[in-house]
Amino acid sequence: MPDARAVIDPAVVVGQVDDRLFGSFVEHMGRAVYGGIYEPGHPSANAAGWRRDVVELVREMGVTLVRYPGGNFVSGYDWEDGVGPRQARPTRLDRAWRSIESNAVGTDDFLAWTRLVGLEPMLAVNLGTRGVEAARNLVEYCNGQAGSRYADWRAANGHPRPYGVRTWCLGNEMDGPWQIGHTSAIEYGRLAADAGRAMRLVDPSIELVACGSSGSKMPTFGSWEETVLDIAWEVADHISLHSYYDPAAYETVGDYLACSLDLERMIDTVAATADAVADRKGSRKRIGLSVDEWNVWHFAEHRSREDPEGPYRVAPSLAEDEHDLADALAVGCLLIALLRHTDRVRIACLAQLVNVIPAIRTVDGGAAWRQASFHPFADVARLGRGTVLGFALDGPTYRVDGEGQVQAIDAVAVRDAAAGSVTVFAVNRLDRPLGLEAELRNLGPLAVDEHRILTDPDIHASNTAADPDRIAPRPGVNARIGAGRLSVELPPRSWNVVRLTDAAGEGSAGGT
């Protein structure tokens, strides 16, 4: 007998997955840029200084969009410092991360890197120490046609064609007391509205992300979003959510693996707040959610390494977490939460990409490798495209303080009609195997094409430069279909991917 039963029904649709859900984040923090994506002289570096080993891992990971240049960094950043000849660029003090910024990498360089990798950029403007004019000018520099001051400056710097950057963040975490230019919701809302209008006068096609609160535990959470959207409603296409989870904050691994419930509540709260503002304004506009910073973060462990009283340093090692299997499973649950809310979540950025709270780690002059958390992201980016289907689940639960009873299995299903496939992503949160049986309604004849498992006897095992593949997916052998039902055993504390394809060979997975 299965431990849990589910129903997958194409008549129950959650939403269409936006490709920008598989985004990540590169900030001028620690070794994310210098020693991460950019390291001239590295054995793998190309002529422009980009680490090709990192490029290949980012492509393998399936990242579709990268947010840049911050983060806290952007609130003190003068974008003009990072364009033009490198030898003429000034060296600055970055007060956000107490670092020395050479500006060897700036806007043109980052956009060249996104084209090399084959992904979409998402740029943030400085609404901390700068404002309307700098934001407007940056849009003109990136997207303007020749014949204007900043577009001509871009051309003079060797980039005659507009970049066409689509998605823009109106500042970063402006409710946070740690933020340079920290302000009130009313003041930020007015600034975001003014900046957004000016940016759109340059390029009406851009999408704008207004800053939401910096986290669900902030005293401003909820009220901040309501005020900002009320003031900046006409310019905002999306509002941001930031969410990090520290394993040190949880008593047990089981408690930690329930962290995604906080993200789900956060999404539901912000969506309801946005809809309430729309109702009050009599507007039919539906604000999208941009979860443009999310991840696990060993914050308690790494806080002291940031050395807030120490000297300014060049590319210091900050927040270089070593992700173990528990972290990978938490990331898997967070990915499932994002998929389960694709009716509202349009953009999501795993923060960050390389070396800082990373999916990918590097050694200066040496190796690059996949962290354990790399694998769930890569699986979802590869097979999570299409339509998220309803997934009614009835199964065992366990108790978590502050949450009550939590489902032992967290799962979601995504249908790719063009590929003729349905993929189930599932996490077993318990330390014993669990059997799952899913009724496949109106999906036509399906066969198991692939079952991948990420697990290890040691929940705290991780990948290192010396052992880069300790935690890696392996084939499963017990997923099967019979009488219109999928049966699979989920190993203890495991991430599972089960891909079903059209058994009739007609190129579409069912439907009526």
Protein backbone atom coordinates (compact mmCIF):
# COMPACT_ATOMS: atom_id res chain seq x y z
CA MET A 1 0.00 0.00 0.00
CA PRO A 2 1.34 3.50 -0.84
CA ASP A 3 2.03 5.92 1.98
CA ALA A 4 0.63 8.83 -0.04
CA ARG A 5 -1.88 9.24 -2.85
CA ALA A 6 -2.18 12.05 -5.34
CA VAL A 7 -4.23 13.06 -8.34
CA ILE A 8 -2.71 14.80 -11.37
CA ASP A 9 -5.40 16.35 -13.54
CA PRO A 10 -4.83 18.56 -16.64
CA ALA A 11 -8.26 20.11 -16.04
CA VAL A 12 -6.83 21.74 -12.90
CA VAL A 13 -4.24 24.28 -14.08
CA VAL A 14 -2.19 26.42 -11.71
CA GLY A 15 -0.48 28.53 -14.35
CA GLN A 16 1.97 28.79 -17.21
CA VAL A 17 5.64 28.87 -16.20
CA ASP A 18 7.44 32.08 -17.15
CA ASP A 19 10.98 31.28 -18.33
CA ARG A 20 12.25 33.99 -16.00
CA LEU A 21 11.38 31.73 -13.05
CA PHE A 22 14.78 30.08 -13.59
CA GLY A 23 16.79 33.20 -12.85
CA SER A 24 19.80 33.81 -10.66
CA PHE A 25 21.76 36.77 -9.30
CA VAL A 26 25.29 38.16 -9.64
CA GLU A 27 26.14 41.00 -7.26
CA HIS A 28 29.41 42.81 -6.72
CA MET A 29 29.78 41.00 -3.39
CA GLY A 30 32.67 38.85 -2.28
CA ARG A 31 33.99 36.69 -5.12
CA ALA A 32 30.76 36.52 -7.13
CA VAL A 33 32.19 38.65 -9.93
CA TYR A 34 35.97 38.76 -9.37
CA GLY A 35 37.12 35.15 -9.09
CA GLY A 36 33.62 33.93 -9.88
CA ILE A 37 32.47 34.77 -13.40
CA TYR A 38 35.52 36.94 -14.21
CA GLU A 39 39.15 35.97 -13.68
CA PRO A 40 41.65 37.06 -16.34
CA GLY A 41 44.63 34.75 -16.34
CA HIS A 42 42.66 31.72 -15.20
CA PRO A 43 43.51 28.64 -17.33
CA SER A 44 39.94 28.53 -18.62
CA ALA A 45 39.49 32.29 -19.16
CA ASN A 46 38.73 33.59 -22.64
CA ALA A 47 40.27 36.74 -24.10
CA ALA A 48 37.73 38.91 -22.27
CA GLY A 49 38.56 37.36 -18.89
CA TRP A 50 35.41 35.27 -18.42
CA ARG A 51 35.93 31.86 -16.82
CA ARG A 52 34.76 29.35 -19.41
CA ASP A 53 34.43 26.59 -16.81
CA VAL A 54 31.87 28.76 -15.00
CA VAL A 55 30.11 29.61 -18.27
CA GLU A 56 29.64 25.92 -19.01
CA LEU A 57 28.29 25.20 -15.52
CA VAL A 58 25.83 28.12 -15.76
CA ARG A 59 24.59 26.76 -19.09
CA GLU A 60 24.28 23.27 -17.62
CA MET A 61 22.36 24.71 -14.67
CA GLY A 62 19.80 26.13 -17.09
CA VAL A 63 19.77 29.70 -15.81
CA THR A 64 17.59 31.90 -18.02
CA LEU A 65 18.01 35.35 -16.43
CA VAL A 66 20.54 37.02 -14.13
CA ARG A 67 19.90 40.05 -11.92
CA TYR A 68 22.78 42.57 -11.66
CA PRO A 69 24.64 44.46 -10.08
CA GLY A 70 22.85 44.15 -6.73
CA GLY A 71 21.66 43.76 -4.14
CA ASN A 72 22.92 46.11 -1.43
CA PHE A 73 25.79 47.05 -3.73
CA VAL A 74 23.54 48.88 -6.18
CA SER A 75 22.35 51.43 -3.60
CA GLY A 76 25.77 53.08 -3.60
CA TYR A 77 26.79 52.34 -7.20
CA ASP A 78 27.52 54.92 -9.91
CA TRP A 79 26.94 52.96 -13.11
CA GLU A 80 29.02 55.44 -15.10
CA ASP A 81 32.14 54.21 -13.26
CA GLY A 82 31.86 50.81 -14.94
CA VAL A 83 31.75 51.76 -18.63
CA GLY A 84 34.40 52.98 -21.05
CA PRO A 85 38.07 51.93 -21.21
CA ARG A 86 39.04 49.82 -18.20
CA GLN A 87 42.24 51.75 -17.61
CA ALA A 88 40.21 54.95 -17.16
CA ARG A 89 37.67 53.54 -14.71
CA PRO A 90 37.95 54.75 -11.10
CA THR A 91 38.51 52.53 -8.09
CA ARG A 92 35.83 53.08 -5.43
CA LEU A 93 35.03 52.00 -1.89
CA ASP A 94 31.94 49.79 -1.81
CA ARG A 95 30.36 50.58 1.54
CA ALA A 96 27.71 47.87 1.26
CA TRP A 97 30.21 45.00 1.53
CA ARG A 98 33.27 46.93 2.78
CA SER A 99 35.18 46.14 -0.37
CA ILE A 100 37.42 47.86 -2.90
CA GLU A 101 35.65 47.98 -6.26
CA SER A 102 37.92 48.21 -9.30
CA ASN A 103 35.03 48.59 -11.76
CA ALA A 104 36.85 46.20 -14.09
CA VAL A 105 33.41 44.69 -14.70
CA GLY A 106 30.50 47.01 -15.39
CA THR A 107 27.33 47.25 -17.44
CA ASP A 108 28.74 46.62 -20.93
CA ASP A 109 30.90 43.78 -19.63
CA PHE A 110 28.06 42.08 -17.79
CA LEU A 111 25.75 42.36 -20.79
CA ALA A 112 28.48 40.83 -22.97
CA TRP A 113 28.72 37.96 -20.46
CA THR A 114 24.95 37.35 -20.61
CA ARG A 115 25.18 37.09 -24.39
CA LEU A 116 28.12 34.70 -24.12
CA VAL A 117 26.20 32.45 -21.75
CA GLY A 118 22.89 32.88 -23.59
CA LEU A 119 20.62 34.35 -20.95
CA GLU A 120 18.56 37.47 -20.25
CA PRO A 121 19.81 40.35 -18.08
CA MET A 122 17.78 41.98 -15.31
CA LEU A 123 19.31 45.31 -14.29
CA ALA A 124 18.78 47.21 -11.04
CA VAL A 125 19.02 51.00 -10.76
CA ASN A 126 20.40 52.90 -7.77
CA LEU A 127 17.58 54.56 -5.84
CA GLY A 128 19.72 54.82 -2.70
CA THR A 129 22.32 57.51 -3.39
CA ARG A 130 21.12 58.31 -6.92
CA GLY A 131 17.64 58.72 -8.36
CA VAL A 132 15.53 59.62 -11.38
CA GLU A 133 18.19 61.09 -13.63
CA ALA A 134 20.75 58.29 -13.21
CA ALA A 135 18.05 55.65 -13.75
CA ARG A 136 16.74 57.34 -16.88
CA ASN A 137 20.25 57.76 -18.27
CA LEU A 138 21.11 54.10 -17.72
CA VAL A 139 18.03 53.00 -19.69
CA GLU A 140 19.06 55.35 -22.48
CA TYR A 141 22.61 53.97 -22.38
CA CYS A 142 21.37 50.37 -22.63
CA ASN A 143 18.31 50.65 -24.85
CA GLY A 144 18.45 54.01 -26.63
CA GLN A 145 18.83 54.45 -30.35
CA ALA A 146 21.82 56.34 -31.75
CA GLY A 147 21.49 60.11 -31.77
CA SER A 148 21.19 60.80 -28.05
CA ARG A 149 23.90 61.49 -25.48
CA TYR A 150 23.98 58.19 -23.60
CA ALA A 151 23.22 55.95 -26.58
CA ASP A 152 26.06 57.63 -28.44
CA TRP A 153 28.32 57.07 -25.41
CA ARG A 154 27.48 53.37 -25.57
CA ALA A 155 28.34 53.35 -29.29
CA ALA A 156 31.61 55.16 -28.60
CA ASN A 157 32.42 52.42 -26.08
CA GLY A 158 32.13 49.85 -28.86
CA HIS A 159 28.46 48.83 -28.64
CA PRO A 160 26.50 50.55 -31.42
CA ARG A 161 23.37 48.38 -31.17
CA PRO A 162 20.93 48.82 -28.27
CA TYR A 163 20.94 45.96 -25.76
CA GLY A 164 17.16 45.89 -25.35
CA VAL A 165 17.22 45.10 -21.62
CA ARG A 166 13.64 44.19 -20.76
CA THR A 167 13.41 43.83 -16.98
CA TRP A 168 14.49 46.50 -14.46
CA CYS A 169 14.50 46.66 -10.64
CA LEU A 170 13.62 50.02 -9.06
CA GLY A 171 16.26 49.87 -6.33
CA ASN A 172 16.84 47.18 -3.71
CA GLU A 173 15.48 46.45 -0.21
CA MET A 174 14.76 50.11 0.50
CA ASP A 175 12.91 49.29 3.75
CA GLY A 176 16.07 47.71 5.23
CA PRO A 177 17.95 49.83 7.82
CA TRP A 178 21.18 48.32 6.46
CA GLN A 179 20.48 49.75 3.00
CA ILE A 180 22.32 52.85 1.81
CA GLY A 181 19.51 55.35 1.26
CA HIS A 182 17.08 53.48 3.53
CA THR A 183 13.78 55.33 3.46
CA SER A 184 10.07 55.14 4.21
CA ALA A 185 7.43 53.46 2.06
CA ILE A 186 5.92 56.83 1.12
CA GLU A 187 9.25 58.36 0.12
CA TYR A 188 10.33 55.25 -1.78
CA GLY A 189 6.95 54.95 -3.52
CA ARG A 190 7.21 58.51 -4.80
CA LEU A 191 10.81 58.01 -5.96
CA ALA A 192 10.00 54.70 -7.67
CA ALA A 193 7.00 56.26 -9.43
CA ASP A 194 9.07 59.22 -10.66
CA ALA A 195 11.99 57.04 -11.76
CA GLY A 196 9.72 54.53 -13.45
CA ARG A 197 7.93 57.22 -15.45
CA ALA A 198 11.24 58.74 -16.57
CA MET A 199 12.64 55.32 -17.55
CA ARG A 200 9.52 54.53 -19.58
CA LEU A 201 9.75 57.82 -21.43
CA VAL A 202 13.06 56.49 -22.79
CA ASP A 203 11.78 52.96 -23.48
CA PRO A 204 8.04 52.29 -23.05
CA SER A 205 8.55 48.53 -23.52
CA ILE A 206 10.46 47.85 -20.30
CA GLU A 207 9.02 45.95 -17.32
CA LEU A 208 9.57 47.46 -13.88
CA VAL A 209 9.92 45.71 -10.52
CA ALA A 210 9.11 47.82 -7.47
CA CYS A 211 10.83 46.97 -4.17
CA GLY A 212 8.76 44.98 -1.76
CA SER A 213 9.69 44.47 1.86
CA SER A 214 13.05 42.80 2.53
CA GLY A 215 11.57 39.73 4.23
CA SER A 216 8.56 38.20 5.92
CA LYS A 217 9.99 38.96 9.39
CA MET A 218 10.40 42.68 8.68
CA PRO A 219 8.05 44.93 10.70
CA THR A 220 7.24 46.66 7.41
CA PHE A 221 6.11 43.47 5.66
CA GLY A 222 2.65 43.88 4.16
CA SER A 223 2.16 47.56 4.98
CA TRP A 224 5.21 48.49 2.87
CA GLU A 225 3.86 46.67 -0.20
CA GLU A 226 0.44 48.25 0.19
CA THR A 227 1.81 51.80 0.44
CA VAL A 228 4.38 51.42 -2.35
CA LEU A 229 1.88 49.91 -4.77
CA ASP A 230 -0.71 52.52 -3.92
CA ILE A 231 1.75 55.27 -4.90
CA ALA A 232 3.66 53.57 -7.74
CA TRP A 233 0.76 51.55 -9.17
CA GLU A 234 0.95 53.02 -12.67
CA VAL A 235 4.62 52.13 -13.21
CA ALA A 236 4.90 48.80 -11.35
CA ASP A 237 4.56 45.60 -13.37
CA HIS A 238 5.92 43.44 -10.53
CA ILE A 239 6.78 43.74 -6.87
CA SER A 240 9.77 41.99 -5.33
CA LEU A 241 10.02 39.40 -2.55
CA HIS A 242 13.28 38.42 -0.84
CA SER A 243 13.47 35.25 1.21
CA TYR A 244 16.43 33.46 2.82
CA TYR A 245 16.48 30.49 5.21
CA ASP A 246 19.30 29.71 7.65
CA PRO A 247 19.54 26.06 8.78
CA ALA A 248 20.92 27.29 12.12
CA ALA A 249 17.50 28.81 12.87
CA TYR A 250 15.81 25.37 12.97
CA GLU A 251 15.90 22.70 15.67
CA THR A 252 15.84 19.70 13.32
CA VAL A 253 16.36 18.85 9.67
CA GLY A 254 12.63 18.17 9.39
CA ASP A 255 11.89 21.67 10.67
CA TYR A 256 14.37 23.14 8.17
CA LEU A 257 12.79 21.30 5.24
CA ALA A 258 9.48 22.99 6.05
CA CYS A 259 10.99 26.46 5.44
CA SER A 260 9.23 26.68 2.08
CA LEU A 261 5.90 27.14 3.89
CA ASP A 262 7.10 30.62 4.90
CA LEU A 263 7.79 31.45 1.25
CA GLU A 264 4.34 30.22 0.25
CA ARG A 265 2.66 32.38 2.90
CA MET A 266 4.77 35.34 1.80
CA ILE A 267 3.70 34.88 -1.83
CA ASP A 268 0.04 34.56 -0.87
CA THR A 269 0.20 37.65 1.37
CA VAL A 270 1.87 39.88 -1.21
CA ALA A 271 -0.45 38.69 -3.98
CA ALA A 272 -3.50 39.41 -1.80
CA THR A 273 -2.12 42.84 -0.89
CA ALA A 274 -1.55 43.71 -4.55
CA ASP A 275 -5.06 42.56 -5.44
CA ALA A 276 -6.53 44.63 -2.60
CA VAL A 277 -4.81 47.73 -3.98
CA ALA A 278 -6.15 46.90 -7.45
CA ASP A 279 -9.69 46.55 -6.08
CA ARG A 280 -9.45 49.85 -4.24
CA LYS A 281 -8.27 51.58 -7.41
CA GLY A 282 -10.83 49.86 -9.62
CA SER A 283 -7.95 48.50 -11.72
CA ARG A 284 -7.89 45.26 -13.68
CA LYS A 285 -4.09 45.19 -13.61
CA ARG A 286 -2.63 42.08 -12.01
CA ILE A 287 0.75 42.73 -10.43
CA GLY A 288 3.31 39.97 -10.95
CA LEU A 289 5.60 38.79 -8.17
CA SER A 290 9.37 38.84 -8.59
CA VAL A 291 11.05 36.60 -6.01
CA ASP A 292 14.35 38.05 -7.12
CA GLU A 293 16.36 36.93 -4.08
CA TRP A 294 15.73 33.49 -2.61
CA ASN A 295 17.93 30.75 -1.25
CA VAL A 296 19.22 29.05 1.85
CA TRP A 297 21.94 31.06 3.63
CA HIS A 298 24.20 29.97 6.48
CA PHE A 299 23.97 33.51 7.76
CA ALA A 300 24.79 32.88 11.42
CA GLU A 301 27.88 30.91 10.42
CA HIS A 302 29.21 33.51 7.99
CA ARG A 303 28.20 36.83 9.53
CA SER A 304 31.53 37.26 11.40
CA ARG A 305 33.52 36.71 8.22
CA GLU A 306 32.17 39.92 6.77
CA ASP A 307 34.36 41.80 9.29
CA PRO A 308 32.30 45.02 9.47
CA GLU A 309 35.04 46.87 11.36
CA GLY A 310 37.97 45.63 9.30
CA PRO A 311 39.82 47.20 6.38
CA TYR A 312 38.35 47.49 2.90
CA ARG A 313 39.48 44.51 0.80
CA VAL A 314 39.49 43.46 -2.84
CA ALA A 315 36.96 40.66 -3.51
CA PRO A 316 36.92 39.27 0.05
CA SER A 317 35.52 35.79 0.64
CA LEU A 318 31.96 36.51 1.82
CA ALA A 319 29.13 34.05 2.47
CA GLU A 320 30.89 31.17 0.70
CA ASP A 321 28.46 28.59 2.03
CA GLU A 322 29.11 24.88 1.58
CA HIS A 323 25.72 23.43 0.70
CA ASP A 324 25.00 19.94 2.01
CA LEU A 325 22.20 17.54 1.09
CA ALA A 326 19.82 19.18 3.59
CA ASP A 327 20.39 22.51 1.85
CA ALA A 328 19.72 20.91 -1.54
CA LEU A 329 16.43 19.44 -0.30
CA ALA A 330 15.40 22.81 1.16
CA VAL A 331 16.17 24.41 -2.23
CA GLY A 332 14.06 21.69 -3.86
CA CYS A 333 11.11 22.53 -1.60
CA LEU A 334 11.52 26.24 -2.38
CA LEU A 335 11.54 25.47 -6.12
CA ILE A 336 8.34 23.45 -5.71
CA ALA A 337 6.77 26.40 -3.86
CA LEU A 338 7.68 28.72 -6.74
CA LEU A 339 6.22 26.34 -9.32
CA ARG A 340 3.07 25.96 -7.25
CA HIS A 341 2.55 29.74 -7.50
CA THR A 342 3.21 30.31 -11.19
CA ASP A 343 -0.18 31.97 -11.44
CA ARG A 344 1.51 35.00 -9.81
CA VAL A 345 5.28 34.46 -9.67
CA ARG A 346 6.72 35.67 -12.97
CA ILE A 347 10.39 36.08 -12.02
CA ALA A 348 12.61 34.32 -9.48
CA CYS A 349 16.36 34.64 -8.87
CA LEU A 350 18.37 32.12 -6.90
CA ALA A 351 20.72 34.33 -4.90
CA GLN A 352 23.45 34.01 -5.75
CA LEU A 353 25.06 32.17 -8.64
CA VAL A 354 28.81 31.82 -7.95
CA ASN A 355 30.77 31.75 -4.66
CA VAL A 356 28.31 33.89 -2.64
CA ILE A 357 25.50 31.74 -1.16
CA PRO A 358 26.24 29.83 -4.32
CA ALA A 359 25.09 27.01 -6.53
CA ILE A 360 28.58 27.05 -8.09
CA ARG A 361 31.89 27.34 -6.22
CA THR A 362 35.33 28.19 -7.57
CA VAL A 363 38.94 28.38 -6.46
CA ASP A 364 41.00 31.33 -7.70
CA GLY A 365 43.18 29.92 -10.43
CA GLY A 366 41.68 26.47 -9.89
CA ALA A 367 38.59 24.33 -10.11
CA ALA A 368 34.89 25.12 -10.39
CA TRP A 369 32.28 22.68 -9.14
CA ARG A 370 28.57 22.13 -8.58
CA GLN A 371 27.20 22.48 -5.07
CA ALA A 372 24.53 20.01 -3.93
CA SER A 373 21.91 22.74 -4.42
CA PHE A 374 22.91 23.03 -8.10
CA HIS A 375 21.12 19.81 -8.98
CA PRO A 376 17.48 20.50 -8.00
CA PHE A 377 17.70 23.87 -9.78
CA ALA A 378 19.15 22.29 -12.93
CA ASP A 379 16.43 19.61 -12.92
CA VAL A 380 13.60 22.13 -12.64
CA ALA A 381 15.15 24.46 -15.22
CA ARG A 382 15.42 21.53 -17.65
CA LEU A 383 12.05 19.87 -17.08
CA GLY A 384 9.90 22.48 -15.34
CA ARG A 385 8.82 24.35 -18.48
CA GLY A 386 5.18 24.35 -19.47
CA THR A 387 2.01 24.32 -17.37
CA VAL A 388 1.84 23.53 -13.67
CA LEU A 389 -1.02 21.13 -13.00
CA GLY A 390 -3.10 20.58 -9.92
CA PHE A 391 -1.53 18.01 -7.59
CA ALA A 392 -3.98 16.94 -4.90
CA LEU A 393 -1.95 15.01 -2.29
CA ASP A 394 -3.06 13.00 0.71
CA GLY A 395 -0.27 11.47 2.77
CA PRO A 396 1.61 11.31 6.05
CA THR A 397 2.44 14.45 8.01
CA TYR A 398 4.79 15.41 10.83
CA ARG A 399 4.67 18.21 13.35
CA VAL A 400 6.80 21.35 13.10
CA ASP A 401 6.68 23.99 15.81
CA GLY A 402 5.06 27.12 14.46
CA GLU A 403 3.70 25.30 11.42
CA GLY A 404 1.57 22.49 12.83
CA GLN A 405 1.25 19.39 10.66
CA VAL A 406 3.47 19.46 7.56
CA GLN A 407 3.18 17.15 4.55
CA ALA A 408 6.00 14.60 4.56
CA ILE A 409 6.05 14.67 0.74
CA ASP A 410 6.24 17.99 -1.09
CA ALA A 411 5.48 17.61 -4.79
CA VAL A 412 4.33 19.36 -7.94
CA ALA A 413 3.66 18.31 -11.56
CA VAL A 414 4.51 20.21 -14.77
CA ARG A 415 3.11 19.32 -18.18
CA ASP A 416 4.99 20.18 -21.37
CA ALA A 417 2.38 19.58 -24.06
CA ALA A 418 4.80 20.24 -26.92
CA ALA A 419 7.25 17.61 -25.63
CA GLY A 420 4.46 15.22 -24.70
CA SER A 421 5.66 14.95 -21.12
CA VAL A 422 4.58 15.31 -17.52
CA THR A 423 7.27 15.71 -14.87
CA VAL A 424 6.78 15.20 -11.13
CA PHE A 425 9.21 16.89 -8.74
CA ALA A 426 9.05 15.53 -5.18
CA VAL A 427 10.93 15.87 -1.89
CA ASN A 428 10.67 13.24 0.84
CA ARG A 429 11.15 15.26 4.03
CA LEU A 430 11.27 12.21 6.32
CA ASP A 431 14.17 9.92 7.20
CA ARG A 432 12.35 6.81 5.97
CA PRO A 433 11.23 5.74 2.48
CA LEU A 434 7.74 6.75 1.38
CA GLY A 435 5.63 5.24 -1.38
CA LEU A 436 3.71 7.65 -3.62
CA GLU A 437 0.88 6.65 -5.96
CA ALA A 438 -0.49 9.28 -8.36
CA GLU A 439 -3.66 8.83 -10.42
CA LEU A 440 -3.06 10.22 -13.94
CA ARG A 441 -6.38 11.61 -15.10
CA ASN A 442 -7.05 12.36 -18.78
CA LEU A 443 -3.37 12.41 -19.69
CA GLY A 444 -3.41 9.61 -22.23
CA PRO A 445 -1.00 6.67 -22.25
CA LEU A 446 2.22 7.55 -20.47
CA ALA A 447 5.46 5.71 -19.77
CA VAL A 448 8.27 6.39 -17.31
CA ASP A 449 11.09 8.00 -19.27
CA GLU A 450 13.36 8.99 -16.39
CA HIS A 451 13.63 8.83 -12.61
CA ARG A 452 16.44 10.80 -10.97
CA ILE A 453 17.22 10.75 -7.26
CA LEU A 454 19.42 13.02 -5.16
CA THR A 455 20.16 11.54 -1.74
CA ASP A 456 22.94 10.28 0.52
CA PRO A 457 23.13 8.31 3.80
CA ASP A 458 24.67 11.43 5.36
CA ILE A 459 22.22 14.36 5.26
CA HIS A 460 25.15 16.73 5.85
CA ALA A 461 27.35 15.43 3.04
CA SER A 462 28.44 18.04 0.51
CA ASN A 463 30.53 18.59 -2.60
CA THR A 464 34.02 20.05 -2.36
CA ALA A 465 36.89 20.84 -4.71
CA ALA A 466 38.46 17.53 -3.66
CA ASP A 467 35.21 15.55 -4.01
CA PRO A 468 33.00 17.53 -6.41
CA ASP A 469 30.51 14.73 -7.14
CA ARG A 470 29.78 13.32 -3.67
CA ILE A 471 26.21 14.60 -3.98
CA ALA A 472 25.02 13.97 -7.53
CA PRO A 473 21.83 12.58 -9.10
CA ARG A 474 21.60 8.87 -9.75
CA PRO A 475 19.02 6.83 -11.67
CA GLY A 476 16.00 5.48 -9.84
CA VAL A 477 14.66 2.04 -10.70
CA ASN A 478 11.28 1.74 -8.99
CA ALA A 479 9.02 4.24 -10.80
CA ARG A 480 6.36 2.47 -12.87
CA ILE A 481 2.93 3.02 -14.42
CA GLY A 482 0.03 0.62 -14.28
CA ALA A 483 -3.71 1.04 -14.69
CA GLY A 484 -3.34 4.79 -15.18
CA ARG A 485 -1.37 5.27 -11.98
CA LEU A 486 2.22 6.25 -11.28
CA SER A 487 3.85 4.36 -8.41
CA VAL A 488 7.24 5.36 -7.05
CA GLU A 489 9.19 4.89 -3.86
CA LEU A 490 10.91 8.03 -2.60
CA PRO A 491 14.10 7.23 -0.65
CA PRO A 492 14.62 8.81 2.79
CA ARG A 493 15.37 12.53 2.68
CA SER A 494 15.58 12.72 -1.10
CA TRP A 495 14.92 14.92 -4.14
CA ASN A 496 13.14 13.03 -6.93
CA VAL A 497 12.39 13.79 -10.58
CA VAL A 498 10.04 11.46 -12.47
CA ARG A 499 9.51 12.30 -16.15
CA LEU A 500 6.63 10.65 -17.99
CA THR A 501 6.37 10.71 -21.77
CA ASP A 502 3.73 9.84 -24.33
CA ALA A 503 3.65 6.04 -24.63
CA ALA A 504 1.66 6.26 -27.86
CA GLY A 505 4.36 8.32 -29.55
CA GLU A 506 1.94 11.01 -30.69
CA GLY A 507 3.88 13.95 -29.22
CA SER A 508 1.44 15.21 -26.62
CA ALA A 509 0.70 14.05 -23.08
CA GLY A 510 -3.01 13.53 -23.13
CA GLY A 511 -5.67 16.15 -22.73
CA THR A 512 -9.34 15.89 -23.58
